[in-house]
Amino acid sequence: MSALYHFYDYINRGEYVIGAGSLARAERLAERIPDSAAAGYVRVVDCGVAYHAGDVERCLETAKRISRIGEDNNDPTLVTWGLHWEGIAHLRQGRLDQGWALVTESPSQP
């Protein structure tokens, strides 16, 4: 998880190259334990990247995986992130009812 925190820290300071290196390390470590909560948090970044690159299908698939990882690890924050991104992806695809239902559900997770 510390590699992921370093990623956010460097990106927020505008040090994008170092941040990208930290993300690559986090991704490499997450591959060793793909169903862990730590891997789920790395997937949250992947979800955002896919969405902003216009790959809404990949964002949707990744969001569902994030939710499953969160449920399996009893991590409500991960479940919330998964529901959030899944809802946002549905909205982008024009599925307003599905999208809003997920977006409004996501903050209410225990």
Protein backbone atom coordinates (compact mmCIF):
# COMPACT_ATOMS: atom_id res chain seq x y z
CA MET A 1 0.00 0.00 0.00
CA SER A 2 2.84 2.42 0.64
CA ALA A 3 3.77 2.39 -3.06
CA LEU A 4 0.23 3.51 -3.84
CA TYR A 5 0.43 6.29 -1.23
CA HIS A 6 3.72 7.40 -2.78
CA PHE A 7 2.01 7.49 -6.18
CA TYR A 8 -0.68 9.87 -4.91
CA ASP A 9 1.85 11.97 -3.03
CA TYR A 10 4.09 12.46 -6.05
CA ILE A 11 1.20 13.07 -8.45
CA ASN A 12 -0.28 15.69 -6.13
CA ARG A 13 3.10 17.46 -6.04
CA GLY A 14 3.32 17.45 -9.83
CA GLU A 15 6.14 14.89 -9.93
CA TYR A 16 4.49 12.70 -12.54
CA VAL A 17 7.46 10.58 -13.58
CA ILE A 18 8.25 9.54 -10.03
CA GLY A 19 4.54 9.02 -9.39
CA ALA A 20 4.28 6.75 -12.42
CA GLY A 21 7.19 4.72 -11.08
CA SER A 22 5.46 4.35 -7.72
CA LEU A 23 2.27 3.22 -9.45
CA ALA A 24 4.21 0.66 -11.49
CA ARG A 25 5.69 -0.71 -8.27
CA ALA A 26 2.24 -0.87 -6.64
CA GLU A 27 0.86 -2.71 -9.68
CA ARG A 28 3.76 -5.16 -9.68
CA LEU A 29 3.24 -5.90 -5.97
CA ALA A 30 -0.53 -6.22 -6.43
CA GLU A 31 -0.02 -8.89 -9.09
CA ARG A 32 1.43 -11.14 -6.37
CA ILE A 33 -1.79 -10.96 -4.36
CA PRO A 34 -4.48 -10.16 -6.96
CA ASP A 35 -7.49 -10.65 -4.69
CA SER A 36 -6.16 -8.59 -1.78
CA ALA A 37 -7.57 -5.26 -0.65
CA ALA A 38 -4.28 -3.62 -1.63
CA ALA A 39 -4.73 -4.90 -5.19
CA GLY A 40 -8.27 -3.53 -5.12
CA TYR A 41 -7.00 -0.04 -4.33
CA VAL A 42 -4.55 -0.25 -7.24
CA ARG A 43 -7.52 -1.18 -9.45
CA VAL A 44 -9.30 2.02 -8.34
CA VAL A 45 -6.51 3.96 -10.08
CA ASP A 46 -6.84 1.70 -13.13
CA CYS A 47 -10.56 2.39 -13.21
CA GLY A 48 -10.06 6.15 -13.27
CA VAL A 49 -7.41 5.88 -15.97
CA ALA A 50 -9.68 3.71 -18.14
CA TYR A 51 -12.61 6.07 -17.69
CA HIS A 52 -10.65 9.19 -18.56
CA ALA A 53 -9.11 7.43 -21.56
CA GLY A 54 -12.62 6.75 -22.86
CA ASP A 55 -12.45 2.99 -22.24
CA VAL A 56 -15.74 2.83 -20.36
CA GLU A 57 -16.12 -0.95 -20.77
CA ARG A 58 -12.76 -1.58 -19.09
CA CYS A 59 -13.74 0.89 -16.36
CA LEU A 60 -17.01 -0.99 -15.82
CA GLU A 61 -15.31 -4.40 -15.67
CA THR A 62 -12.65 -3.10 -13.29
CA ALA A 63 -15.27 -1.44 -11.07
CA LYS A 64 -17.13 -4.74 -10.69
CA ARG A 65 -13.87 -6.45 -9.79
CA ILE A 66 -13.12 -3.76 -7.19
CA SER A 67 -16.52 -4.34 -5.56
CA ARG A 68 -15.96 -8.11 -5.47
CA ILE A 69 -12.52 -7.67 -3.92
CA GLY A 70 -14.01 -5.29 -1.36
CA GLU A 71 -16.76 -7.74 -0.46
CA ASP A 72 -14.32 -10.66 -0.23
CA ASN A 73 -12.01 -8.65 2.04
CA ASN A 74 -14.79 -7.06 4.10
CA ASP A 75 -13.62 -3.61 2.98
CA PRO A 76 -16.61 -1.26 2.62
CA THR A 77 -14.43 1.52 1.23
CA LEU A 78 -13.43 -0.65 -1.71
CA VAL A 79 -17.04 -1.68 -2.26
CA THR A 80 -17.97 2.01 -2.31
CA TRP A 81 -15.24 2.82 -4.84
CA GLY A 82 -16.42 -0.04 -7.04
CA LEU A 83 -20.06 1.07 -6.91
CA HIS A 84 -19.04 4.67 -7.58
CA TRP A 85 -17.03 3.85 -10.70
CA GLU A 86 -19.60 1.34 -11.93
CA GLY A 87 -22.30 4.01 -11.62
CA ILE A 88 -20.19 6.65 -13.34
CA ALA A 89 -19.47 4.23 -16.22
CA HIS A 90 -23.19 3.46 -16.64
CA LEU A 91 -23.94 7.20 -16.69
CA ARG A 92 -21.31 7.72 -19.38
CA GLN A 93 -22.95 4.98 -21.44
CA GLY A 94 -26.35 6.66 -21.10
CA ARG A 95 -27.78 4.12 -18.65
CA LEU A 96 -29.03 6.83 -16.33
CA ASP A 97 -31.28 4.74 -14.08
CA GLN A 98 -28.59 2.13 -13.42
CA GLY A 99 -25.89 4.75 -13.04
CA TRP A 100 -27.70 6.99 -10.59
CA ALA A 101 -28.84 4.01 -8.53
CA LEU A 102 -25.23 2.90 -8.06
CA VAL A 103 -23.82 6.38 -7.50
CA THR A 104 -26.41 7.19 -4.85
CA GLU A 105 -25.98 3.78 -3.22
CA SER A 106 -22.21 3.99 -2.95
CA PRO A 107 -21.93 6.46 -0.03
CA SER A 108 -24.42 4.46 2.04
CA GLN A 109 -22.23 1.38 2.40
CA PRO A 110 -21.59 0.41 6.04
